[in-house]
Amino acid sequence: ISPVAAAAAHKIADIKGAVGYLAPWVSAQSVDDANRPL
């Protein structure tokens, strides 16, 4: 899918697991085991 999220490292350093802010053209969701959006 190519790069989809980015952030200045110092901005997210204190947020455990943070990898970046999603680009405007990317749709993303977290879903349960039945693929229902959370």
PDB file of all heavy atoms in Angstrom:
ATOM      1  N   ILE A   1       0.802  -1.225   0.000  1.00  0.00           N
ATOM      2  CA  ILE A   1       0.000   0.000   0.000  1.00  0.00           C
ATOM      3  C   ILE A   1       0.835   1.275   0.000  1.00  0.00           C
ATOM      4  O   ILE A   1       0.298   2.369  -0.093  1.00  0.00           O
ATOM      5  CB  ILE A   1      -0.976   0.008   1.208  1.00  0.00           C
ATOM      6  CG1 ILE A   1      -2.094   1.031   1.011  1.00  0.00           C
ATOM      7  CG2 ILE A   1      -0.233   0.181   2.514  1.00  0.00           C
ATOM      8  CD1 ILE A   1      -3.210   0.922   2.039  1.00  0.00           C
ATOM      9  N   SER A   2       2.156   1.149   0.093  1.00  0.00           N
ATOM     10  CA  SER A   2       3.058   2.303   0.156  1.00  0.00           C
ATOM     11  C   SER A   2       2.914   3.015   1.500  1.00  0.00           C
ATOM     12  O   SER A   2       2.068   2.651   2.314  1.00  0.00           O
ATOM     13  CB  SER A   2       2.797   3.270  -1.008  1.00  0.00           C
ATOM     14  OG  SER A   2       2.993   2.623  -2.248  1.00  0.00           O
ATOM     15  N   PRO A   3       3.721   4.048   1.748  1.00  0.00           N
ATOM     16  CA  PRO A   3       3.593   4.773   3.023  1.00  0.00           C
ATOM     17  C   PRO A   3       2.196   5.367   3.191  1.00  0.00           C
ATOM     18  O   PRO A   3       1.651   5.955   2.269  1.00  0.00           O
ATOM     19  CB  PRO A   3       4.650   5.875   2.905  1.00  0.00           C
ATOM     20  CG  PRO A   3       5.665   5.311   1.966  1.00  0.00           C
ATOM     21  CD  PRO A   3       4.870   4.524   0.965  1.00  0.00           C
ATOM     22  N   VAL A   4       1.632   5.194   4.378  1.00  0.00           N
ATOM     23  CA  VAL A   4       0.271   5.687   4.619  1.00  0.00           C
ATOM     24  C   VAL A   4       0.182   6.616   5.819  1.00  0.00           C
ATOM     25  O   VAL A   4      -0.829   7.300   6.002  1.00  0.00           O
ATOM     26  CB  VAL A   4      -0.714   4.513   4.828  1.00  0.00           C
ATOM     27  CG1 VAL A   4      -0.810   3.666   3.578  1.00  0.00           C
ATOM     28  CG2 VAL A   4      -0.326   3.671   6.031  1.00  0.00           C
ATOM     29  N   ALA A   5       1.212   6.671   6.664  1.00  0.00           N
ATOM     30  CA  ALA A   5       1.156   7.518   7.850  1.00  0.00           C
ATOM     31  C   ALA A   5       2.555   8.031   8.175  1.00  0.00           C
ATOM     32  O   ALA A   5       3.553   7.372   7.886  1.00  0.00           O
ATOM     33  CB  ALA A   5       0.599   6.746   9.047  1.00  0.00           C
ATOM     34  N   ALA A   6       2.612   9.215   8.777  1.00  0.00           N
ATOM     35  CA  ALA A   6       3.901   9.801   9.132  1.00  0.00           C
ATOM     36  C   ALA A   6       3.710  10.841  10.225  1.00  0.00           C
ATOM     37  O   ALA A   6       2.609  11.378  10.412  1.00  0.00           O
ATOM     38  CB  ALA A   6       4.565  10.442   7.907  1.00  0.00           C
ATOM     39  N   ALA A   7       4.798  11.113  10.943  1.00  0.00           N
ATOM     40  CA  ALA A   7       4.767  12.147  11.978  1.00  0.00           C
ATOM     41  C   ALA A   7       6.199  12.469  12.392  1.00  0.00           C
ATOM     42  O   ALA A   7       7.103  11.636  12.264  1.00  0.00           O
ATOM     43  CB  ALA A   7       3.960  11.698  13.195  1.00  0.00           C
ATOM     44  N   ALA A   8       6.385  13.678  12.883  1.00  0.00           N
ATOM     45  CA  ALA A   8       7.667  14.018  13.500  1.00  0.00           C
ATOM     46  C   ALA A   8       7.851  13.134  14.728  1.00  0.00           C
ATOM     47  O   ALA A   8       6.949  13.024  15.560  1.00  0.00           O
ATOM     48  CB  ALA A   8       7.680  15.491  13.881  1.00  0.00           C
ATOM     49  N   ALA A   9       9.001  12.492  14.818  1.00  0.00           N
ATOM     50  CA  ALA A   9       9.211  11.505  15.876  1.00  0.00           C
ATOM     51  C   ALA A   9       9.018  12.087  17.267  1.00  0.00           C
ATOM     52  O   ALA A   9       8.463  11.424  18.149  1.00  0.00           O
ATOM     53  CB  ALA A   9      10.611  10.901  15.745  1.00  0.00           C
ATOM     54  N   HIS A  10       9.445  13.322  17.484  1.00  0.00           N
ATOM     55  CA  HIS A  10       9.320  13.889  18.829  1.00  0.00           C
ATOM     56  C   HIS A  10       7.868  14.160  19.207  1.00  0.00           C
ATOM     57  O   HIS A  10       7.530  14.229  20.387  1.00  0.00           O
ATOM     58  CB  HIS A  10      10.146  15.176  18.945  1.00  0.00           C
ATOM     59  CG  HIS A  10       9.590  16.346  18.185  1.00  0.00           C
ATOM     60  ND1 HIS A  10       9.820  16.531  16.836  1.00  0.00           N
ATOM     61  CD2 HIS A  10       8.810  17.383  18.587  1.00  0.00           C
ATOM     62  CE1 HIS A  10       9.208  17.631  16.438  1.00  0.00           C
ATOM     63  NE2 HIS A  10       8.590  18.172  17.470  1.00  0.00           N
ATOM     64  N   LYS A  11       6.981  14.286  18.204  1.00  0.00           N
ATOM     65  CA  LYS A  11       5.573  14.561  18.467  1.00  0.00           C
ATOM     66  C   LYS A  11       4.835  13.324  18.988  1.00  0.00           C
ATOM     67  O   LYS A  11       3.829  13.450  19.694  1.00  0.00           O
ATOM     68  CB  LYS A  11       4.884  15.061  17.203  1.00  0.00           C
ATOM     69  CG  LYS A  11       5.311  16.446  16.749  1.00  0.00           C
ATOM     70  CD  LYS A  11       4.719  17.521  17.639  1.00  0.00           C
ATOM     71  CE  LYS A  11       4.965  18.903  17.069  1.00  0.00           C
ATOM     72  NZ  LYS A  11       4.387  19.970  17.941  1.00  0.00           N
ATOM     73  N   ILE A  12       5.303  12.149  18.615  1.00  0.00           N
ATOM     74  CA  ILE A  12       4.594  10.922  19.000  1.00  0.00           C
ATOM     75  C   ILE A  12       5.412  10.032  19.931  1.00  0.00           C
ATOM     76  O   ILE A  12       4.995   8.927  20.261  1.00  0.00           O
ATOM     77  CB  ILE A  12       4.178  10.110  17.754  1.00  0.00           C
ATOM     78  CG1 ILE A  12       5.408   9.696  16.932  1.00  0.00           C
ATOM     79  CG2 ILE A  12       3.211  10.910  16.887  1.00  0.00           C
ATOM     80  CD1 ILE A  12       5.071   8.784  15.766  1.00  0.00           C
ATOM     81  N   ALA A  13       6.564  10.514  20.380  1.00  0.00           N
ATOM     82  CA  ALA A  13       7.464   9.690  21.186  1.00  0.00           C
ATOM     83  C   ALA A  13       6.821   9.224  22.482  1.00  0.00           C
ATOM     84  O   ALA A  13       7.122   8.132  22.986  1.00  0.00           O
ATOM     85  CB  ALA A  13       8.755  10.453  21.491  1.00  0.00           C
ATOM     86  N   ASP A  14       5.930  10.029  23.045  1.00  0.00           N
ATOM     87  CA  ASP A  14       5.320   9.680  24.323  1.00  0.00           C
ATOM     88  C   ASP A  14       4.028   8.880  24.174  1.00  0.00           C
ATOM     89  O   ASP A  14       3.376   8.557  25.176  1.00  0.00           O
ATOM     90  CB  ASP A  14       5.032  10.949  25.134  1.00  0.00           C
ATOM     91  CG  ASP A  14       6.309  11.650  25.573  1.00  0.00           C
ATOM     92  OD1 ASP A  14       7.311  10.948  25.795  1.00  0.00           O
ATOM     93  OD2 ASP A  14       6.307  12.889  25.688  1.00  0.00           O
ATOM     94  N   ILE A  15       3.639   8.575  22.940  1.00  0.00           N
ATOM     95  CA  ILE A  15       2.414   7.816  22.699  1.00  0.00           C
ATOM     96  C   ILE A  15       2.820   6.403  22.302  1.00  0.00           C
ATOM     97  O   ILE A  15       3.303   6.163  21.194  1.00  0.00           O
ATOM     98  CB  ILE A  15       1.558   8.464  21.596  1.00  0.00           C
ATOM     99  CG1 ILE A  15       1.272   9.928  21.948  1.00  0.00           C
ATOM    100  CG2 ILE A  15       0.250   7.697  21.411  1.00  0.00           C
ATOM    101  CD1 ILE A  15       0.571  10.689  20.846  1.00  0.00           C
ATOM    102  N   LYS A  16       2.620   5.476  23.198  1.00  0.00           N
ATOM    103  CA  LYS A  16       3.079   4.104  22.973  1.00  0.00           C
ATOM    104  C   LYS A  16       2.431   3.505  21.726  1.00  0.00           C
ATOM    105  O   LYS A  16       1.214   3.495  21.589  1.00  0.00           O
ATOM    106  CB  LYS A  16       2.737   3.254  24.193  1.00  0.00           C
ATOM    107  CG  LYS A  16       3.269   1.840  24.134  1.00  0.00           C
ATOM    108  CD  LYS A  16       2.933   1.086  25.406  1.00  0.00           C
ATOM    109  CE  LYS A  16       3.435  -0.342  25.363  1.00  0.00           C
ATOM    110  NZ  LYS A  16       3.116  -1.072  26.611  1.00  0.00           N
ATOM    111  N   GLY A  17       3.256   3.023  20.817  1.00  0.00           N
ATOM    112  CA  GLY A  17       2.763   2.364  19.614  1.00  0.00           C
ATOM    113  C   GLY A  17       2.408   3.288  18.471  1.00  0.00           C
ATOM    114  O   GLY A  17       2.085   2.817  17.379  1.00  0.00           O
ATOM    115  N   ALA A  18       2.474   4.602  18.675  1.00  0.00           N
ATOM    116  CA  ALA A  18       2.097   5.534  17.613  1.00  0.00           C
ATOM    117  C   ALA A  18       3.094   5.469  16.461  1.00  0.00           C
ATOM    118  O   ALA A  18       4.311   5.479  16.677  1.00  0.00           O
ATOM    119  CB  ALA A  18       2.025   6.953  18.161  1.00  0.00           C
ATOM    120  N   VAL A  19       2.579   5.404  15.232  1.00  0.00           N
ATOM    121  CA  VAL A  19       3.457   5.312  14.062  1.00  0.00           C
ATOM    122  C   VAL A  19       3.282   6.484  13.106  1.00  0.00           C
ATOM    123  O   VAL A  19       4.068   6.642  12.174  1.00  0.00           O
ATOM    124  CB  VAL A  19       3.241   3.992  13.291  1.00  0.00           C
ATOM    125  CG1 VAL A  19       3.636   2.803  14.150  1.00  0.00           C
ATOM    126  CG2 VAL A  19       1.796   3.851  12.825  1.00  0.00           C
ATOM    127  N   GLY A  20       2.255   7.311  13.310  1.00  0.00           N
ATOM    128  CA  GLY A  20       2.076   8.464  12.433  1.00  0.00           C
ATOM    129  C   GLY A  20       0.610   8.766  12.177  1.00  0.00           C
ATOM    130  O   GLY A  20      -0.276   7.963  12.495  1.00  0.00           O
ATOM    131  N   TYR A  21       0.380   9.932  11.592  1.00  0.00           N
ATOM    132  CA  TYR A  21      -0.974  10.344  11.241  1.00  0.00           C
ATOM    133  C   TYR A  21      -1.282   9.894   9.812  1.00  0.00           C
ATOM    134  O   TYR A  21      -0.451  10.038   8.910  1.00  0.00           O
ATOM    135  CB  TYR A  21      -1.111  11.861  11.358  1.00  0.00           C
ATOM    136  CG  TYR A  21      -1.014  12.352  12.781  1.00  0.00           C
ATOM    137  CD1 TYR A  21       0.217  12.743  13.319  1.00  0.00           C
ATOM    138  CD2 TYR A  21      -2.135  12.391  13.601  1.00  0.00           C
ATOM    139  CE1 TYR A  21       0.324  13.175  14.638  1.00  0.00           C
ATOM    140  CE2 TYR A  21      -2.044  12.827  14.920  1.00  0.00           C
ATOM    141  CZ  TYR A  21      -0.818  13.209  15.428  1.00  0.00           C
ATOM    142  OH  TYR A  21      -0.721  13.622  16.729  1.00  0.00           O
ATOM    143  N   LEU A  22      -2.465   9.364   9.615  1.00  0.00           N
ATOM    144  CA  LEU A  22      -2.851   8.832   8.311  1.00  0.00           C
ATOM    145  C   LEU A  22      -2.903   9.932   7.271  1.00  0.00           C
ATOM    146  O   LEU A  22      -3.379  11.043   7.531  1.00  0.00           O
ATOM    147  CB  LEU A  22      -4.212   8.145   8.412  1.00  0.00           C
ATOM    148  CG  LEU A  22      -4.248   6.857   9.242  1.00  0.00           C
ATOM    149  CD1 LEU A  22      -5.682   6.477   9.561  1.00  0.00           C
ATOM    150  CD2 LEU A  22      -3.545   5.728   8.501  1.00  0.00           C
ATOM    151  N   ALA A  23      -2.424   9.603   6.078  1.00  0.00           N
ATOM    152  CA  ALA A  23      -2.494  10.545   4.963  1.00  0.00           C
ATOM    153  C   ALA A  23      -3.955  10.774   4.565  1.00  0.00           C
ATOM    154  O   ALA A  23      -4.800   9.885   4.756  1.00  0.00           O
ATOM    155  CB  ALA A  23      -1.701   9.999   3.777  1.00  0.00           C
ATOM    156  N   PRO A  24      -4.295  11.937   3.997  1.00  0.00           N
ATOM    157  CA  PRO A  24      -5.694  12.254   3.660  1.00  0.00           C
ATOM    158  C   PRO A  24      -6.337  11.259   2.706  1.00  0.00           C
ATOM    159  O   PRO A  24      -7.557  11.072   2.741  1.00  0.00           O
ATOM    160  CB  PRO A  24      -5.590  13.651   3.026  1.00  0.00           C
ATOM    161  CG  PRO A  24      -4.329  14.227   3.571  1.00  0.00           C
ATOM    162  CD  PRO A  24      -3.386  13.075   3.737  1.00  0.00           C
ATOM    163  N   TRP A  25      -5.543  10.627   1.843  1.00  0.00           N
ATOM    164  CA  TRP A  25      -6.109   9.724   0.842  1.00  0.00           C
ATOM    165  C   TRP A  25      -6.263   8.286   1.346  1.00  0.00           C
ATOM    166  O   TRP A  25      -6.684   7.413   0.609  1.00  0.00           O
ATOM    167  CB  TRP A  25      -5.226   9.724  -0.413  1.00  0.00           C
ATOM    168  CG  TRP A  25      -3.809   9.315  -0.155  1.00  0.00           C
ATOM    169  CD1 TRP A  25      -3.288   8.049  -0.100  1.00  0.00           C
ATOM    170  CD2 TRP A  25      -2.717  10.196   0.111  1.00  0.00           C
ATOM    171  NE1 TRP A  25      -1.960   8.071   0.178  1.00  0.00           N
ATOM    172  CE2 TRP A  25      -1.567   9.383   0.302  1.00  0.00           C
ATOM    173  CE3 TRP A  25      -2.574  11.584   0.189  1.00  0.00           C
ATOM    174  CZ2 TRP A  25      -0.313   9.920   0.581  1.00  0.00           C
ATOM    175  CZ3 TRP A  25      -1.326  12.111   0.459  1.00  0.00           C
ATOM    176  CH2 TRP A  25      -0.219  11.283   0.657  1.00  0.00           C
ATOM    177  N   VAL A  26      -5.934   8.048   2.607  1.00  0.00           N
ATOM    178  CA  VAL A  26      -5.993   6.699   3.168  1.00  0.00           C
ATOM    179  C   VAL A  26      -7.232   6.541   4.053  1.00  0.00           C
ATOM    180  O   VAL A  26      -7.507   7.386   4.907  1.00  0.00           O
ATOM    181  CB  VAL A  26      -4.731   6.395   3.997  1.00  0.00           C
ATOM    182  CG1 VAL A  26      -4.842   5.037   4.675  1.00  0.00           C
ATOM    183  CG2 VAL A  26      -3.490   6.439   3.110  1.00  0.00           C
ATOM    184  N   SER A  27      -7.969   5.474   3.833  1.00  0.00           N
ATOM    185  CA  SER A  27      -9.052   5.076   4.738  1.00  0.00           C
ATOM    186  C   SER A  27      -8.541   3.925   5.584  1.00  0.00           C
ATOM    187  O   SER A  27      -7.948   2.982   5.059  1.00  0.00           O
ATOM    188  CB  SER A  27     -10.288   4.625   3.949  1.00  0.00           C
ATOM    189  OG  SER A  27     -10.820   5.685   3.195  1.00  0.00           O
ATOM    190  N   ALA A  28      -8.757   3.999   6.877  1.00  0.00           N
ATOM    191  CA  ALA A  28      -8.275   2.940   7.770  1.00  0.00           C
ATOM    192  C   ALA A  28      -9.266   2.753   8.909  1.00  0.00           C
ATOM    193  O   ALA A  28      -9.934   3.700   9.336  1.00  0.00           O
ATOM    194  CB  ALA A  28      -6.896   3.281   8.314  1.00  0.00           C
ATOM    195  N   GLN A  29      -9.351   1.526   9.390  1.00  0.00           N
ATOM    196  CA  GLN A  29     -10.258   1.178  10.476  1.00  0.00           C
ATOM    197  C   GLN A  29      -9.619   0.110  11.352  1.00  0.00           C
ATOM    198  O   GLN A  29      -8.769  -0.659  10.891  1.00  0.00           O
ATOM    199  CB  GLN A  29     -11.582   0.623   9.927  1.00  0.00           C
ATOM    200  CG  GLN A  29     -12.398   1.573   9.092  1.00  0.00           C
ATOM    201  CD  GLN A  29     -13.630   0.906   8.500  1.00  0.00           C
ATOM    202  OE1 GLN A  29     -13.682  -0.317   8.344  1.00  0.00           O
ATOM    203  NE2 GLN A  29     -14.631   1.711   8.165  1.00  0.00           N
ATOM    204  N   SER A  30     -10.049   0.057  12.610  1.00  0.00           N
ATOM    205  CA  SER A  30      -9.790  -1.116  13.437  1.00  0.00           C
ATOM    206  C   SER A  30     -11.106  -1.881  13.495  1.00  0.00           C
ATOM    207  O   SER A  30     -12.176  -1.275  13.644  1.00  0.00           O
ATOM    208  CB  SER A  30      -9.328  -0.716  14.840  1.00  0.00           C
ATOM    209  OG  SER A  30     -10.324   0.023  15.517  1.00  0.00           O
ATOM    210  N   VAL A  31     -11.031  -3.192  13.334  1.00  0.00           N
ATOM    211  CA  VAL A  31     -12.244  -4.006  13.271  1.00  0.00           C
ATOM    212  C   VAL A  31     -12.130  -5.183  14.227  1.00  0.00           C
ATOM    213  O   VAL A  31     -11.027  -5.579  14.629  1.00  0.00           O
ATOM    214  CB  VAL A  31     -12.507  -4.523  11.835  1.00  0.00           C
ATOM    215  CG1 VAL A  31     -12.698  -3.343  10.871  1.00  0.00           C
ATOM    216  CG2 VAL A  31     -11.367  -5.417  11.357  1.00  0.00           C
ATOM    217  N   ASP A  32     -13.290  -5.760  14.577  1.00  0.00           N
ATOM    218  CA  ASP A  32     -13.282  -6.931  15.451  1.00  0.00           C
ATOM    219  C   ASP A  32     -13.098  -8.201  14.618  1.00  0.00           C
ATOM    220  O   ASP A  32     -12.860  -8.135  13.399  1.00  0.00           O
ATOM    221  CB  ASP A  32     -14.557  -6.988  16.300  1.00  0.00           C
ATOM    222  CG  ASP A  32     -15.837  -7.106  15.459  1.00  0.00           C
ATOM    223  OD1 ASP A  32     -15.741  -7.478  14.261  1.00  0.00           O
ATOM    224  OD2 ASP A  32     -16.919  -6.842  15.998  1.00  0.00           O
ATOM    225  N   ASP A  33     -13.222  -9.357  15.259  1.00  0.00           N
ATOM    226  CA  ASP A  33     -12.989 -10.624  14.558  1.00  0.00           C
ATOM    227  C   ASP A  33     -14.002 -10.889  13.453  1.00  0.00           C
ATOM    228  O   ASP A  33     -13.752 -11.700  12.552  1.00  0.00           O
ATOM    229  CB  ASP A  33     -13.001 -11.783  15.555  1.00  0.00           C
ATOM    230  CG  ASP A  33     -11.800 -11.759  16.496  1.00  0.00           C
ATOM    231  OD1 ASP A  33     -10.800 -11.115  16.137  1.00  0.00           O
ATOM    232  OD2 ASP A  33     -11.876 -12.374  17.578  1.00  0.00           O
ATOM    233  N   ALA A  34     -15.154 -10.205  13.519  1.00  0.00           N
ATOM    234  CA  ALA A  34     -16.176 -10.348  12.473  1.00  0.00           C
ATOM    235  C   ALA A  34     -16.070  -9.236  11.440  1.00  0.00           C
ATOM    236  O   ALA A  34     -16.983  -9.054  10.629  1.00  0.00           O
ATOM    237  CB  ALA A  34     -17.564 -10.343  13.101  1.00  0.00           C
ATOM    238  N   ASN A  35     -14.957  -8.488  11.469  1.00  0.00           N
ATOM    239  CA  ASN A  35     -14.708  -7.389  10.538  1.00  0.00           C
ATOM    240  C   ASN A  35     -15.702  -6.235  10.676  1.00  0.00           C
ATOM    241  O   ASN A  35     -15.955  -5.499   9.730  1.00  0.00           O
ATOM    242  CB  ASN A  35     -14.684  -7.882   9.087  1.00  0.00           C
ATOM    243  CG  ASN A  35     -13.453  -8.711   8.782  1.00  0.00           C
ATOM    244  OD1 ASN A  35     -12.403  -8.533   9.411  1.00  0.00           O
ATOM    245  ND2 ASN A  35     -13.565  -9.638   7.847  1.00  0.00           N
ATOM    246  N   ARG A  36     -16.238  -6.064  11.877  1.00  0.00           N
ATOM    247  CA  ARG A  36     -17.109  -4.927  12.146  1.00  0.00           C
ATOM    248  C   ARG A  36     -16.259  -3.768  12.658  1.00  0.00           C
ATOM    249  O   ARG A  36     -15.452  -3.944  13.586  1.00  0.00           O
ATOM    250  CB  ARG A  36     -18.175  -5.303  13.178  1.00  0.00           C
ATOM    251  CG  ARG A  36     -19.185  -6.322  12.675  1.00  0.00           C
ATOM    252  CD  ARG A  36     -20.118  -6.779  13.765  1.00  0.00           C
ATOM    253  NE  ARG A  36     -19.388  -7.451  14.834  1.00  0.00           N
ATOM    254  CZ  ARG A  36     -19.916  -8.360  15.646  1.00  0.00           C
ATOM    255  NH1 ARG A  36     -21.177  -8.718  15.519  1.00  0.00           N
ATOM    256  NH2 ARG A  36     -19.187  -8.916  16.601  1.00  0.00           N
ATOM    257  N   PRO A  37     -16.417  -2.577  12.070  1.00  0.00           N
ATOM    258  CA  PRO A  37     -15.607  -1.421  12.483  1.00  0.00           C
ATOM    259  C   PRO A  37     -15.810  -1.070  13.954  1.00  0.00           C
ATOM    260  O   PRO A  37     -16.921  -1.122  14.472  1.00  0.00           O
ATOM    261  CB  PRO A  37     -16.127  -0.295  11.576  1.00  0.00           C
ATOM    262  CG  PRO A  37     -16.716  -0.991  10.397  1.00  0.00           C
ATOM    263  CD  PRO A  37     -17.302  -2.263  10.936  1.00  0.00           C
ATOM    264  N   LEU A  38     -14.708  -0.717  14.601  1.00  0.00           N
ATOM    265  CA  LEU A  38     -14.733  -0.292  15.992  1.00  0.00           C
ATOM    266  C   LEU A  38     -14.586   1.226  16.057  1.00  0.00           C
ATOM    267  O   LEU A  38     -14.131   1.860  15.109  1.00  0.00           O
ATOM    268  CB  LEU A  38     -13.603  -0.969  16.771  1.00  0.00           C
ATOM    269  CG  LEU A  38     -13.623  -2.498  16.770  1.00  0.00           C
ATOM    270  CD1 LEU A  38     -12.351  -3.049  17.406  1.00  0.00           C
ATOM    271  CD2 LEU A  38     -14.852  -3.014  17.521  1.00  0.00           C
TER     272      LEU A  38
END
